[in-house]
Amino acid sequence: MVTLPGFPSLLEGEDISLRMFGVADDNSFTSEAVDFRHADLTELTPGSVLVTYHNVTEIREIVSLVELQRRADNNCKR
C-alpha cells in the first residue's frame, strides 16, 4: 500500500474520495470542484496529470503534462 504525505492513512482495501478546489491568489474566482480517489493519486508520477471528462460516462485517464498541453492547444482557441 502506498502512503501519501499529507493524506489520511487508509486501511487495507479502503478507498476514500477527496474534493479539491482551485482558488486565485486574490480570491477573485474559484474553480469547480475536482473529485478524485486516494487510489488515483497513487498512480500519478511526477509530470503526469489525472484528467476526468464526461461523455456518456465518466472517463478518467492519466496523461503527461506534454499530452495535456497538446490537447489544450488542439481544443482551445487563443
Protein backbone atom coordinates (compact mmCIF):
# COMPACT_ATOMS: atom_id res chain seq x y z
CA MET A 1 0.00 0.00 0.00
CA VAL A 2 1.26 3.48 -0.86
CA THR A 3 1.19 6.19 1.80
CA LEU A 4 0.97 9.77 0.58
CA PRO A 5 2.32 12.52 2.83
CA GLY A 6 -0.44 14.89 3.96
CA PHE A 7 -3.25 12.49 3.10
CA PRO A 8 -5.16 10.27 5.53
CA SER A 9 -3.84 6.77 6.17
CA LEU A 10 -6.07 4.04 4.82
CA LEU A 11 -6.81 0.54 5.96
CA GLU A 12 -6.01 -2.27 3.51
CA GLY A 13 -8.62 -2.27 0.72
CA GLU A 14 -10.18 1.02 1.83
CA ASP A 15 -10.58 3.89 -0.62
CA ILE A 16 -11.89 7.38 0.03
CA SER A 17 -12.98 10.20 -2.22
CA LEU A 18 -11.42 13.64 -1.91
CA ARG A 19 -12.54 17.01 -3.27
CA MET A 20 -10.26 19.89 -4.23
CA PHE A 21 -10.92 23.44 -5.44
CA GLY A 22 -8.59 25.84 -7.25
CA VAL A 23 -8.67 29.42 -5.97
CA ALA A 24 -6.97 32.55 -7.31
CA ASP A 25 -4.40 34.22 -5.04
CA ASP A 26 -6.70 37.22 -4.62
CA ASN A 27 -9.87 35.08 -4.22
CA SER A 28 -11.28 36.60 -7.43
CA PHE A 29 -12.51 33.20 -8.56
CA THR A 30 -12.83 29.58 -7.51
CA SER A 31 -12.79 26.70 -9.94
CA GLU A 32 -15.34 23.93 -9.94
CA ALA A 33 -14.67 21.11 -7.52
CA VAL A 34 -12.46 18.24 -8.64
CA ASP A 35 -13.25 14.87 -7.10
CA PHE A 36 -10.69 12.09 -7.01
CA ARG A 37 -9.98 8.90 -5.12
CA HIS A 38 -6.94 8.13 -2.99
CA ALA A 39 -6.15 5.29 -5.40
CA ASP A 40 -5.99 7.81 -8.29
CA LEU A 41 -3.17 9.63 -6.54
CA THR A 42 -1.08 6.51 -6.07
CA GLU A 43 -0.97 6.04 -9.86
CA LEU A 44 0.37 9.53 -10.58
CA THR A 45 4.04 10.11 -11.26
CA PRO A 46 5.94 13.40 -11.47
CA GLY A 47 4.95 15.14 -14.72
CA SER A 48 1.58 13.38 -15.02
CA VAL A 49 -1.97 14.67 -14.60
CA LEU A 50 -5.27 12.95 -13.80
CA VAL A 51 -7.83 14.01 -16.41
CA THR A 52 -11.54 13.41 -15.89
CA TYR A 53 -14.09 14.20 -18.55
CA HIS A 54 -17.67 13.26 -19.26
CA ASN A 55 -19.17 11.99 -22.47
CA VAL A 56 -21.89 9.43 -21.95
CA THR A 57 -19.93 8.12 -18.95
CA GLU A 58 -17.14 9.49 -16.80
CA ILE A 59 -13.70 8.80 -18.22
CA ARG A 60 -10.53 9.13 -16.14
CA GLU A 61 -7.05 8.83 -17.52
CA ILE A 62 -3.54 9.79 -16.55
CA VAL A 63 -1.62 11.74 -19.19
CA SER A 64 1.72 13.53 -19.29
CA LEU A 65 1.92 17.31 -18.97
CA VAL A 66 3.08 17.37 -22.61
CA GLU A 67 -0.04 15.48 -23.71
CA LEU A 68 -2.26 17.76 -21.64
CA GLN A 69 -0.69 20.81 -23.32
CA ARG A 70 -1.17 19.22 -26.77
CA ARG A 71 -4.86 18.61 -26.04
CA ALA A 72 -5.31 22.14 -24.76
CA ASP A 73 -3.65 23.57 -27.87
CA ASN A 74 -5.89 21.44 -30.11
CA ASN A 75 -9.13 22.20 -28.25
CA CYS A 76 -8.84 25.79 -27.06
CA LYS A 77 -8.97 28.85 -29.25
CA ARG A 78 -6.45 31.54 -28.45
